[in-house]
């Protein structure tokens, strides 16, 4: 089991211009890849876990599922935007299935706690699967039902259509690789 504890970086810059806020991966992403978006608490750890999967071609952390256009980290942490910290995953379906990504998602966090993962508390830490197609929605809901049979507590994970994804500030991208330290409340079973 891997445990990461969240830390804040007081030296991190903030975004100041709308031009730096464009969602990542314009167009259709890497050729032959499909997109999946997950929220499972702190986005630093969940991104690192998905990057380890063979067949994942690209990842980005950001904010989705809220109402404020182009939110900043500070706004999301103030619990006023409705956004979740999320990871956008591009994957090659010839190498890794959406079902395998969902298995990693379920194993990485506690989907039975509402708006909380470990010591991280707030609606930005909620558990959610943001689907990009009717097929993903069916697979995600089936996966949730199957996962529920293995848990005593009710799963509170949202399965909702994907909405605008706003790429987080650059210092959040590949945070563990840049800093060499873990800092999120995630576990891998």
N, C-alpha and C. Protein backbone atom coordinates (compact mmCIF):
# COMPACT_ATOMS: atom_id res chain seq x y z
N UNK A 1 0.85 -1.17 0.00
CA UNK A 1 0.00 0.00 0.00
C UNK A 1 0.89 1.23 0.00
N UNK A 2 0.54 2.20 -0.81
CA UNK A 2 1.29 3.44 -0.92
C UNK A 2 0.45 4.56 -0.30
N UNK A 3 1.01 5.35 0.59
CA UNK A 3 0.29 6.46 1.21
C UNK A 3 1.04 7.74 0.91
N UNK A 4 0.33 8.76 0.46
CA UNK A 4 0.89 10.07 0.22
C UNK A 4 0.16 11.06 1.12
N UNK A 5 0.86 12.00 1.67
CA UNK A 5 0.24 13.04 2.51
C UNK A 5 0.35 14.37 1.80
N UNK A 6 -0.74 15.09 1.74
CA UNK A 6 -0.82 16.36 1.03
C UNK A 6 0.03 17.43 1.71
N UNK A 7 0.71 18.19 0.90
CA UNK A 7 1.46 19.35 1.39
C UNK A 7 1.16 20.51 0.47
N UNK A 8 1.31 21.71 0.95
CA UNK A 8 1.14 22.86 0.08
C UNK A 8 2.50 23.43 -0.21
N UNK A 9 2.62 24.12 -1.30
CA UNK A 9 3.88 24.70 -1.72
C UNK A 9 3.73 26.21 -1.69
N UNK A 10 4.20 26.87 -0.62
CA UNK A 10 4.01 28.31 -0.50
C UNK A 10 4.77 29.12 -1.53
N UNK A 11 5.72 28.51 -2.22
CA UNK A 11 6.48 29.25 -3.22
C UNK A 11 5.89 29.13 -4.61
N UNK A 12 4.79 28.40 -4.73
CA UNK A 12 4.20 28.16 -6.04
C UNK A 12 3.59 29.42 -6.62
N UNK A 13 3.80 29.64 -7.93
CA UNK A 13 3.21 30.80 -8.57
C UNK A 13 1.72 30.59 -8.80
N UNK A 14 0.99 31.65 -9.03
CA UNK A 14 -0.42 31.54 -9.39
C UNK A 14 -0.60 32.00 -10.82
N UNK A 15 -1.71 31.59 -11.42
CA UNK A 15 -1.98 31.98 -12.80
C UNK A 15 -2.48 33.41 -12.83
N UNK A 16 -2.04 34.16 -13.81
CA UNK A 16 -2.47 35.55 -13.85
C UNK A 16 -3.12 35.95 -15.16
N UNK A 17 -2.97 35.15 -16.19
CA UNK A 17 -3.56 35.53 -17.46
C UNK A 17 -4.40 34.40 -18.01
N UNK A 18 -5.45 34.76 -18.71
CA UNK A 18 -6.33 33.74 -19.29
C UNK A 18 -5.61 32.91 -20.34
N UNK A 19 -4.60 33.46 -21.01
CA UNK A 19 -3.92 32.71 -22.06
C UNK A 19 -3.20 31.48 -21.51
N UNK A 20 -2.79 31.51 -20.24
CA UNK A 20 -2.11 30.35 -19.68
C UNK A 20 -3.09 29.30 -19.18
N UNK A 21 -4.39 29.56 -19.34
CA UNK A 21 -5.40 28.69 -18.77
C UNK A 21 -6.08 27.78 -19.77
N UNK A 22 -5.61 27.76 -20.98
CA UNK A 22 -6.27 26.95 -22.00
C UNK A 22 -6.27 25.48 -21.58
N UNK A 23 -7.40 24.80 -21.79
CA UNK A 23 -7.41 23.37 -21.49
C UNK A 23 -6.31 22.67 -22.28
N UNK A 24 -5.76 21.57 -21.76
CA UNK A 24 -4.66 20.88 -22.42
C UNK A 24 -5.13 20.06 -23.61
N UNK A 25 -4.15 19.65 -24.41
CA UNK A 25 -4.36 18.68 -25.46
C UNK A 25 -5.44 19.10 -26.45
N UNK A 26 -5.23 20.24 -27.07
CA UNK A 26 -6.18 20.73 -28.06
C UNK A 26 -6.46 19.65 -29.09
N UNK A 27 -7.66 19.66 -29.63
CA UNK A 27 -8.03 18.67 -30.63
C UNK A 27 -8.40 17.36 -29.98
N UNK A 28 -7.94 16.28 -30.58
CA UNK A 28 -8.34 14.95 -30.13
C UNK A 28 -7.30 14.24 -29.28
N UNK A 29 -6.26 14.91 -28.85
CA UNK A 29 -5.23 14.25 -28.06
C UNK A 29 -4.32 13.43 -28.94
N UNK A 30 -3.45 12.63 -28.33
CA UNK A 30 -2.54 11.81 -29.11
C UNK A 30 -3.29 10.89 -30.07
N UNK A 31 -2.77 10.71 -31.23
CA UNK A 31 -3.41 9.88 -32.26
C UNK A 31 -3.68 8.48 -31.71
N UNK A 32 -4.91 8.03 -31.87
CA UNK A 32 -5.32 6.70 -31.42
C UNK A 32 -5.65 6.61 -29.94
N UNK A 33 -5.54 7.71 -29.23
CA UNK A 33 -5.81 7.69 -27.79
C UNK A 33 -7.24 8.09 -27.48
N UNK A 34 -7.73 7.64 -26.33
CA UNK A 34 -9.02 8.05 -25.80
C UNK A 34 -8.79 8.79 -24.50
N UNK A 35 -9.78 9.58 -24.09
CA UNK A 35 -9.67 10.39 -22.89
C UNK A 35 -10.54 9.83 -21.77
N UNK A 36 -10.01 9.90 -20.55
CA UNK A 36 -10.75 9.54 -19.34
C UNK A 36 -10.44 10.61 -18.30
N UNK A 37 -11.40 10.92 -17.44
CA UNK A 37 -11.18 11.94 -16.41
C UNK A 37 -11.70 11.41 -15.08
N UNK A 38 -10.83 11.51 -14.06
CA UNK A 38 -11.15 10.98 -12.75
C UNK A 38 -10.82 11.99 -11.66
N UNK A 39 -11.64 12.02 -10.61
CA UNK A 39 -11.35 12.79 -9.40
C UNK A 39 -11.35 11.81 -8.23
N UNK A 40 -10.25 11.82 -7.47
CA UNK A 40 -10.12 10.87 -6.37
C UNK A 40 -9.33 11.50 -5.22
N UNK A 41 -9.65 12.74 -4.90
CA UNK A 41 -8.91 13.46 -3.88
C UNK A 41 -7.83 14.31 -4.51
N UNK A 42 -6.72 14.43 -3.84
CA UNK A 42 -5.60 15.25 -4.31
C UNK A 42 -5.15 14.80 -5.69
N UNK A 43 -5.09 15.73 -6.63
CA UNK A 43 -4.76 15.33 -8.00
C UNK A 43 -3.29 14.99 -8.21
N UNK A 44 -2.40 15.41 -7.33
CA UNK A 44 -0.98 15.09 -7.50
C UNK A 44 -0.75 13.58 -7.47
N UNK A 45 -1.33 12.93 -6.49
CA UNK A 45 -1.12 11.49 -6.34
C UNK A 45 -1.81 10.67 -7.40
N UNK A 46 -3.04 11.04 -7.72
CA UNK A 46 -3.78 10.25 -8.70
C UNK A 46 -3.13 10.35 -10.08
N UNK A 47 -2.58 11.53 -10.40
CA UNK A 47 -1.86 11.65 -11.67
C UNK A 47 -0.65 10.71 -11.68
N UNK A 48 0.12 10.71 -10.60
CA UNK A 48 1.30 9.85 -10.53
C UNK A 48 0.94 8.38 -10.69
N UNK A 49 -0.16 7.97 -10.10
CA UNK A 49 -0.58 6.57 -10.21
C UNK A 49 -0.97 6.20 -11.63
N UNK A 50 -1.69 7.09 -12.31
CA UNK A 50 -2.09 6.78 -13.69
C UNK A 50 -0.90 6.82 -14.64
N UNK A 51 0.08 7.65 -14.35
CA UNK A 51 1.26 7.72 -15.22
C UNK A 51 2.04 6.41 -15.22
N UNK A 52 1.89 5.60 -14.17
CA UNK A 52 2.60 4.33 -14.07
C UNK A 52 2.02 3.24 -14.98
N UNK A 53 0.84 3.44 -15.50
CA UNK A 53 0.15 2.40 -16.27
C UNK A 53 0.63 2.41 -17.72
N UNK A 54 1.09 1.25 -18.16
CA UNK A 54 1.51 1.12 -19.56
C UNK A 54 0.28 1.33 -20.45
N UNK A 55 0.42 2.16 -21.45
CA UNK A 55 -0.69 2.48 -22.34
C UNK A 55 -1.28 3.86 -22.07
N UNK A 56 -0.95 4.45 -20.92
CA UNK A 56 -1.34 5.84 -20.66
C UNK A 56 -0.34 6.70 -21.41
N UNK A 57 -0.85 7.50 -22.34
CA UNK A 57 0.03 8.27 -23.21
C UNK A 57 0.27 9.70 -22.73
N UNK A 58 -0.63 10.22 -21.91
CA UNK A 58 -0.51 11.60 -21.47
C UNK A 58 -1.44 11.84 -20.28
N UNK A 59 -1.01 12.68 -19.35
CA UNK A 59 -1.87 13.06 -18.23
C UNK A 59 -1.75 14.56 -17.98
N UNK A 60 -2.76 15.08 -17.33
CA UNK A 60 -2.75 16.47 -16.90
C UNK A 60 -3.65 16.59 -15.69
N UNK A 61 -3.26 17.41 -14.72
CA UNK A 61 -4.14 17.67 -13.59
C UNK A 61 -4.85 18.99 -13.82
N UNK A 62 -6.07 19.07 -13.28
CA UNK A 62 -6.84 20.28 -13.46
C UNK A 62 -8.12 20.26 -12.67
N UNK A 63 -9.02 21.13 -13.08
CA UNK A 63 -10.27 21.34 -12.36
C UNK A 63 -11.44 21.11 -13.32
N UNK A 64 -12.45 20.38 -12.84
CA UNK A 64 -13.61 20.10 -13.66
C UNK A 64 -14.83 19.87 -12.77
N UNK A 65 -16.00 19.94 -13.38
CA UNK A 65 -17.22 19.65 -12.66
C UNK A 65 -17.79 20.81 -11.88
N UNK A 66 -17.28 22.01 -12.12
CA UNK A 66 -17.75 23.17 -11.37
C UNK A 66 -18.44 24.19 -12.25
N UNK A 67 -18.68 25.36 -11.68
CA UNK A 67 -19.43 26.40 -12.38
C UNK A 67 -18.61 27.63 -12.74
N UNK A 68 -17.48 27.82 -12.11
CA UNK A 68 -16.66 29.00 -12.36
C UNK A 68 -15.77 28.77 -13.57
N UNK A 69 -15.84 29.63 -14.59
CA UNK A 69 -14.94 29.46 -15.72
C UNK A 69 -13.50 29.79 -15.32
N UNK A 70 -12.58 29.01 -15.80
CA UNK A 70 -11.15 29.25 -15.64
C UNK A 70 -10.77 29.48 -14.16
N UNK A 71 -11.05 28.51 -13.30
CA UNK A 71 -10.75 28.70 -11.88
C UNK A 71 -9.25 28.59 -11.59
N UNK A 72 -8.83 29.22 -10.52
CA UNK A 72 -7.46 29.07 -10.03
C UNK A 72 -7.46 28.07 -8.88
N UNK A 73 -6.30 27.62 -8.50
CA UNK A 73 -6.16 26.70 -7.38
C UNK A 73 -6.74 27.33 -6.11
N UNK A 74 -6.44 28.58 -5.89
CA UNK A 74 -6.92 29.27 -4.70
C UNK A 74 -8.44 29.33 -4.68
N UNK A 75 -9.06 29.58 -5.83
CA UNK A 75 -10.53 29.62 -5.89
C UNK A 75 -11.12 28.25 -5.62
N UNK A 76 -10.54 27.22 -6.20
CA UNK A 76 -11.04 25.86 -5.99
C UNK A 76 -10.92 25.48 -4.51
N UNK A 77 -9.79 25.82 -3.90
CA UNK A 77 -9.58 25.50 -2.47
C UNK A 77 -10.49 26.30 -1.55
N UNK A 78 -11.04 27.41 -2.03
CA UNK A 78 -11.99 28.20 -1.23
C UNK A 78 -13.39 27.60 -1.25
N UNK A 79 -13.58 26.51 -1.99
CA UNK A 79 -14.85 25.77 -2.03
C UNK A 79 -16.00 26.59 -2.60
N UNK A 80 -15.71 27.50 -3.53
CA UNK A 80 -16.78 28.32 -4.10
C UNK A 80 -17.03 28.04 -5.58
N UNK A 81 -16.17 27.24 -6.22
CA UNK A 81 -16.30 27.03 -7.66
C UNK A 81 -17.07 25.76 -8.02
N UNK A 82 -17.12 24.81 -7.11
CA UNK A 82 -17.77 23.53 -7.38
C UNK A 82 -16.89 22.55 -8.13
N UNK A 83 -15.65 22.93 -8.45
CA UNK A 83 -14.77 22.05 -9.20
C UNK A 83 -14.14 20.98 -8.31
N UNK A 84 -13.82 19.86 -8.94
CA UNK A 84 -13.05 18.80 -8.30
C UNK A 84 -11.62 18.87 -8.83
N UNK A 85 -10.66 18.53 -7.99
CA UNK A 85 -9.30 18.31 -8.47
C UNK A 85 -9.36 16.99 -9.24
N UNK A 86 -8.93 17.00 -10.48
CA UNK A 86 -9.08 15.82 -11.33
C UNK A 86 -7.84 15.58 -12.17
N UNK A 87 -7.77 14.40 -12.73
CA UNK A 87 -6.71 14.07 -13.68
C UNK A 87 -7.36 13.69 -15.00
N UNK A 88 -6.86 14.29 -16.06
CA UNK A 88 -7.29 13.93 -17.41
C UNK A 88 -6.25 12.95 -17.94
N UNK A 89 -6.71 11.79 -18.36
CA UNK A 89 -5.84 10.71 -18.79
C UNK A 89 -6.12 10.40 -20.25
N UNK A 90 -5.08 10.45 -21.06
CA UNK A 90 -5.20 9.97 -22.44
C UNK A 90 -4.55 8.61 -22.47
N UNK A 91 -5.25 7.63 -23.06
CA UNK A 91 -4.75 6.26 -23.05
C UNK A 91 -4.96 5.61 -24.41
N UNK A 92 -4.08 4.65 -24.71
CA UNK A 92 -4.17 3.87 -25.94
C UNK A 92 -5.01 2.64 -25.64
N UNK A 93 -6.24 2.57 -26.17
CA UNK A 93 -7.11 1.43 -25.85
C UNK A 93 -6.59 0.09 -26.37
N UNK A 94 -5.61 0.11 -27.27
CA UNK A 94 -5.01 -1.14 -27.73
C UNK A 94 -4.04 -1.69 -26.68
N UNK A 95 -3.61 -0.83 -25.74
CA UNK A 95 -2.66 -1.25 -24.70
C UNK A 95 -3.29 -1.37 -23.31
N UNK A 96 -4.28 -0.55 -23.04
CA UNK A 96 -4.91 -0.57 -21.72
C UNK A 96 -6.39 -0.23 -21.87
N UNK A 97 -7.21 -0.96 -21.17
CA UNK A 97 -8.66 -0.75 -21.29
C UNK A 97 -9.14 0.31 -20.30
N UNK A 98 -10.29 0.89 -20.60
CA UNK A 98 -10.94 1.82 -19.68
C UNK A 98 -11.26 1.11 -18.37
N UNK A 99 -11.62 -0.17 -18.45
CA UNK A 99 -11.90 -0.96 -17.25
C UNK A 99 -10.68 -1.04 -16.34
N UNK A 100 -9.49 -1.18 -16.92
CA UNK A 100 -8.27 -1.24 -16.10
C UNK A 100 -8.02 0.11 -15.44
N UNK A 101 -8.29 1.20 -16.14
CA UNK A 101 -8.15 2.53 -15.53
C UNK A 101 -9.12 2.67 -14.36
N UNK A 102 -10.33 2.18 -14.54
CA UNK A 102 -11.31 2.23 -13.45
C UNK A 102 -10.85 1.39 -12.26
N UNK A 103 -10.24 0.24 -12.51
CA UNK A 103 -9.72 -0.59 -11.42
C UNK A 103 -8.67 0.17 -10.62
N UNK A 104 -7.80 0.89 -11.30
CA UNK A 104 -6.78 1.71 -10.61
C UNK A 104 -7.45 2.81 -9.81
N UNK A 105 -8.47 3.44 -10.40
CA UNK A 105 -9.23 4.49 -9.72
C UNK A 105 -9.81 3.97 -8.41
N UNK A 106 -10.52 2.83 -8.46
CA UNK A 106 -11.15 2.29 -7.24
C UNK A 106 -10.11 1.92 -6.20
N UNK A 107 -8.99 1.37 -6.62
CA UNK A 107 -7.95 0.93 -5.68
C UNK A 107 -7.20 2.09 -5.04
N UNK A 108 -7.22 3.25 -5.66
CA UNK A 108 -6.37 4.37 -5.23
C UNK A 108 -6.96 5.24 -4.14
N UNK A 109 -8.24 5.12 -3.87
CA UNK A 109 -8.86 6.03 -2.90
C UNK A 109 -10.05 5.37 -2.22
N UNK A 110 -10.63 6.08 -1.28
CA UNK A 110 -11.81 5.59 -0.58
C UNK A 110 -13.04 6.24 -1.20
N UNK A 111 -13.79 5.51 -2.02
CA UNK A 111 -14.95 6.10 -2.69
C UNK A 111 -16.19 6.17 -1.81
N UNK A 112 -16.05 5.83 -0.52
CA UNK A 112 -17.20 5.87 0.37
C UNK A 112 -17.21 7.11 1.27
N UNK A 113 -16.24 7.98 1.13
CA UNK A 113 -16.22 9.21 1.93
C UNK A 113 -16.58 10.39 1.04
N UNK A 114 -17.56 11.14 1.45
CA UNK A 114 -18.02 12.29 0.66
C UNK A 114 -17.12 13.49 0.92
N UNK A 115 -16.59 14.05 -0.18
CA UNK A 115 -15.79 15.29 -0.12
C UNK A 115 -14.61 15.18 0.83
N UNK A 116 -13.96 14.00 0.80
CA UNK A 116 -12.82 13.82 1.69
C UNK A 116 -11.97 12.65 1.22
N UNK A 117 -10.65 12.83 1.32
CA UNK A 117 -9.70 11.74 1.17
C UNK A 117 -8.62 11.98 2.22
N UNK A 118 -8.53 11.08 3.19
CA UNK A 118 -7.56 11.25 4.27
C UNK A 118 -7.82 12.55 5.01
N UNK A 119 -6.78 13.36 5.15
CA UNK A 119 -6.90 14.63 5.85
C UNK A 119 -7.40 15.75 4.94
N UNK A 120 -7.49 15.49 3.64
CA UNK A 120 -7.97 16.49 2.69
C UNK A 120 -9.49 16.53 2.72
N UNK A 121 -10.05 17.68 3.08
CA UNK A 121 -11.49 17.81 3.22
C UNK A 121 -11.98 18.98 2.36
N UNK A 122 -13.06 18.76 1.64
CA UNK A 122 -13.66 19.79 0.81
C UNK A 122 -14.22 19.19 -0.46
N UNK A 123 -15.14 19.90 -1.10
CA UNK A 123 -15.78 19.35 -2.29
C UNK A 123 -14.81 19.14 -3.45
N UNK A 124 -13.65 19.80 -3.45
CA UNK A 124 -12.69 19.57 -4.52
C UNK A 124 -12.03 18.20 -4.41
N UNK A 125 -12.19 17.52 -3.26
CA UNK A 125 -11.59 16.20 -3.07
C UNK A 125 -12.60 15.07 -3.25
N UNK A 126 -13.74 15.37 -3.85
CA UNK A 126 -14.77 14.34 -4.02
C UNK A 126 -14.33 13.26 -5.01
N UNK A 127 -15.01 12.16 -4.93
CA UNK A 127 -14.77 11.04 -5.83
C UNK A 127 -15.74 11.15 -7.01
N UNK A 128 -15.19 11.17 -8.23
CA UNK A 128 -16.04 11.31 -9.41
C UNK A 128 -15.38 10.69 -10.63
N UNK A 129 -16.23 10.17 -11.49
CA UNK A 129 -15.81 9.69 -12.81
C UNK A 129 -16.54 10.57 -13.81
N UNK A 130 -15.79 11.28 -14.63
CA UNK A 130 -16.36 12.17 -15.64
C UNK A 130 -16.27 11.45 -16.98
N UNK A 131 -17.41 11.04 -17.52
CA UNK A 131 -17.42 10.21 -18.73
C UNK A 131 -17.43 11.06 -20.00
N UNK A 132 -16.77 10.54 -21.02
CA UNK A 132 -16.63 11.24 -22.29
C UNK A 132 -17.45 10.64 -23.42
N UNK A 133 -18.22 9.60 -23.11
CA UNK A 133 -19.07 8.97 -24.12
C UNK A 133 -20.13 8.12 -23.42
N UNK A 134 -21.19 7.79 -24.14
CA UNK A 134 -22.19 6.88 -23.54
C UNK A 134 -21.57 5.53 -23.17
N UNK A 135 -20.62 5.07 -23.97
CA UNK A 135 -19.95 3.81 -23.66
C UNK A 135 -19.19 3.88 -22.34
N UNK A 136 -18.46 4.96 -22.13
CA UNK A 136 -17.75 5.12 -20.86
C UNK A 136 -18.73 5.19 -19.69
N UNK A 137 -19.87 5.84 -19.90
CA UNK A 137 -20.86 5.95 -18.82
C UNK A 137 -21.36 4.56 -18.41
N UNK A 138 -21.68 3.72 -19.38
CA UNK A 138 -22.16 2.37 -19.08
C UNK A 138 -21.09 1.58 -18.35
N UNK A 139 -19.86 1.64 -18.85
CA UNK A 139 -18.76 0.89 -18.23
C UNK A 139 -18.51 1.40 -16.80
N UNK A 140 -18.53 2.72 -16.61
CA UNK A 140 -18.28 3.30 -15.29
C UNK A 140 -19.36 2.90 -14.30
N UNK A 141 -20.62 2.96 -14.71
CA UNK A 141 -21.71 2.59 -13.81
C UNK A 141 -21.69 1.10 -13.47
N UNK A 142 -21.37 0.27 -14.45
CA UNK A 142 -21.25 -1.16 -14.20
C UNK A 142 -20.10 -1.44 -13.25
N UNK A 143 -18.99 -0.73 -13.44
CA UNK A 143 -17.83 -0.87 -12.57
C UNK A 143 -18.17 -0.45 -11.14
N UNK A 144 -18.91 0.64 -11.00
CA UNK A 144 -19.32 1.11 -9.67
C UNK A 144 -20.20 0.05 -8.98
N UNK A 145 -21.15 -0.50 -9.70
CA UNK A 145 -22.03 -1.53 -9.13
C UNK A 145 -21.22 -2.75 -8.68
N UNK A 146 -20.26 -3.14 -9.49
CA UNK A 146 -19.41 -4.29 -9.14
C UNK A 146 -18.56 -3.97 -7.91
N UNK A 147 -17.99 -2.76 -7.89
CA UNK A 147 -17.17 -2.34 -6.75
C UNK A 147 -18.00 -2.29 -5.47
N UNK A 148 -19.25 -1.89 -5.57
CA UNK A 148 -20.11 -1.79 -4.38
C UNK A 148 -20.29 -3.14 -3.71
N UNK A 149 -20.27 -4.22 -4.49
CA UNK A 149 -20.43 -5.55 -3.90
C UNK A 149 -19.26 -5.93 -3.00
N UNK A 150 -18.13 -5.22 -3.10
CA UNK A 150 -16.95 -5.50 -2.29
C UNK A 150 -16.82 -4.56 -1.09
N UNK A 151 -17.81 -3.70 -0.90
CA UNK A 151 -17.71 -2.69 0.17
C UNK A 151 -18.95 -2.72 1.05
N UNK A 152 -18.74 -2.51 2.34
CA UNK A 152 -19.87 -2.44 3.27
C UNK A 152 -20.54 -1.09 3.21
N UNK A 153 -19.74 -0.03 3.16
CA UNK A 153 -20.30 1.33 3.10
C UNK A 153 -20.72 1.64 1.67
N UNK A 154 -21.69 2.54 1.56
CA UNK A 154 -22.18 2.95 0.25
C UNK A 154 -21.14 3.81 -0.48
N UNK A 155 -20.89 3.51 -1.73
CA UNK A 155 -20.00 4.31 -2.57
C UNK A 155 -20.72 5.61 -2.93
N UNK A 156 -20.03 6.73 -2.77
CA UNK A 156 -20.61 8.05 -3.06
C UNK A 156 -20.03 8.66 -4.34
N UNK A 157 -19.26 7.91 -5.08
CA UNK A 157 -18.65 8.39 -6.32
C UNK A 157 -19.71 8.85 -7.31
N UNK A 158 -19.52 10.03 -7.86
CA UNK A 158 -20.41 10.55 -8.91
C UNK A 158 -19.96 9.97 -10.24
N UNK A 159 -20.90 9.59 -11.08
CA UNK A 159 -20.61 9.26 -12.48
C UNK A 159 -21.41 10.26 -13.28
N UNK A 160 -20.70 11.21 -13.90
CA UNK A 160 -21.35 12.33 -14.59
C UNK A 160 -20.66 12.60 -15.91
N UNK A 161 -21.39 13.18 -16.86
CA UNK A 161 -20.76 13.54 -18.12
C UNK A 161 -19.63 14.55 -17.90
N UNK A 162 -18.56 14.40 -18.64
CA UNK A 162 -17.44 15.34 -18.55
C UNK A 162 -17.89 16.73 -18.95
N UNK A 163 -17.34 17.71 -18.27
CA UNK A 163 -17.58 19.11 -18.61
C UNK A 163 -16.23 19.75 -18.89
N UNK A 164 -16.19 21.06 -18.98
CA UNK A 164 -14.93 21.74 -19.26
C UNK A 164 -13.87 21.32 -18.26
N UNK A 165 -12.69 21.04 -18.76
CA UNK A 165 -11.53 20.69 -17.94
C UNK A 165 -10.54 21.83 -18.06
N UNK A 166 -10.20 22.41 -16.92
CA UNK A 166 -9.27 23.53 -16.90
C UNK A 166 -7.94 23.04 -16.33
N UNK A 167 -6.92 23.08 -17.14
CA UNK A 167 -5.59 22.64 -16.74
C UNK A 167 -5.13 23.47 -15.54
N UNK A 168 -4.64 22.78 -14.52
CA UNK A 168 -4.14 23.46 -13.31
C UNK A 168 -2.84 24.18 -13.64
N UNK A 169 -2.47 25.05 -12.74
CA UNK A 169 -1.23 25.80 -12.86
C UNK A 169 -0.06 24.85 -13.10
N UNK A 170 0.95 25.31 -13.80
CA UNK A 170 2.05 24.44 -14.22
C UNK A 170 2.76 23.75 -13.05
N UNK A 171 2.89 24.41 -11.91
CA UNK A 171 3.61 23.78 -10.81
C UNK A 171 2.89 22.53 -10.28
N UNK A 172 1.61 22.36 -10.60
CA UNK A 172 0.87 21.17 -10.19
C UNK A 172 1.11 19.98 -11.12
N UNK A 173 1.50 20.24 -12.36
CA UNK A 173 1.69 19.17 -13.34
C UNK A 173 2.91 18.32 -12.96
N UNK A 174 2.69 17.00 -12.92
CA UNK A 174 3.76 16.06 -12.56
C UNK A 174 4.46 16.50 -11.27
N UNK A 175 3.67 16.87 -10.31
CA UNK A 175 4.18 17.44 -9.07
C UNK A 175 5.20 16.52 -8.39
N UNK A 176 4.89 15.23 -8.29
CA UNK A 176 5.81 14.32 -7.61
C UNK A 176 7.14 14.21 -8.34
N UNK A 177 7.11 14.20 -9.66
CA UNK A 177 8.34 14.13 -10.44
C UNK A 177 9.18 15.39 -10.25
N UNK A 178 8.53 16.52 -10.18
CA UNK A 178 9.25 17.80 -10.03
C UNK A 178 9.84 17.97 -8.64
N UNK A 179 9.11 17.53 -7.61
CA UNK A 179 9.53 17.81 -6.25
C UNK A 179 10.23 16.63 -5.58
N UNK A 180 10.03 15.43 -6.11
CA UNK A 180 10.65 14.26 -5.51
C UNK A 180 10.05 13.86 -4.17
N UNK A 181 8.85 14.36 -3.89
CA UNK A 181 8.22 14.00 -2.62
C UNK A 181 6.74 13.71 -2.84
N UNK A 182 6.24 12.76 -2.07
CA UNK A 182 4.84 12.43 -2.09
C UNK A 182 4.08 13.30 -1.12
N UNK A 183 2.82 13.58 -1.44
CA UNK A 183 2.08 14.46 -0.53
C UNK A 183 0.57 14.39 -0.70
N UNK A 184 0.03 13.23 -0.97
CA UNK A 184 -1.42 13.08 -1.09
C UNK A 184 -1.89 11.87 -0.30
N UNK A 185 -3.12 11.92 0.14
CA UNK A 185 -3.70 10.79 0.88
C UNK A 185 -4.33 9.81 -0.09
N UNK A 186 -3.53 8.94 -0.67
CA UNK A 186 -4.01 7.89 -1.57
C UNK A 186 -3.39 6.58 -1.15
N UNK A 187 -4.08 5.51 -1.40
CA UNK A 187 -3.50 4.20 -1.15
C UNK A 187 -3.77 3.31 -2.34
N UNK A 188 -2.85 2.42 -2.60
CA UNK A 188 -3.01 1.47 -3.70
C UNK A 188 -3.03 0.08 -3.10
N UNK A 189 -4.14 -0.62 -3.31
CA UNK A 189 -4.22 -1.98 -2.76
C UNK A 189 -3.97 -2.98 -3.84
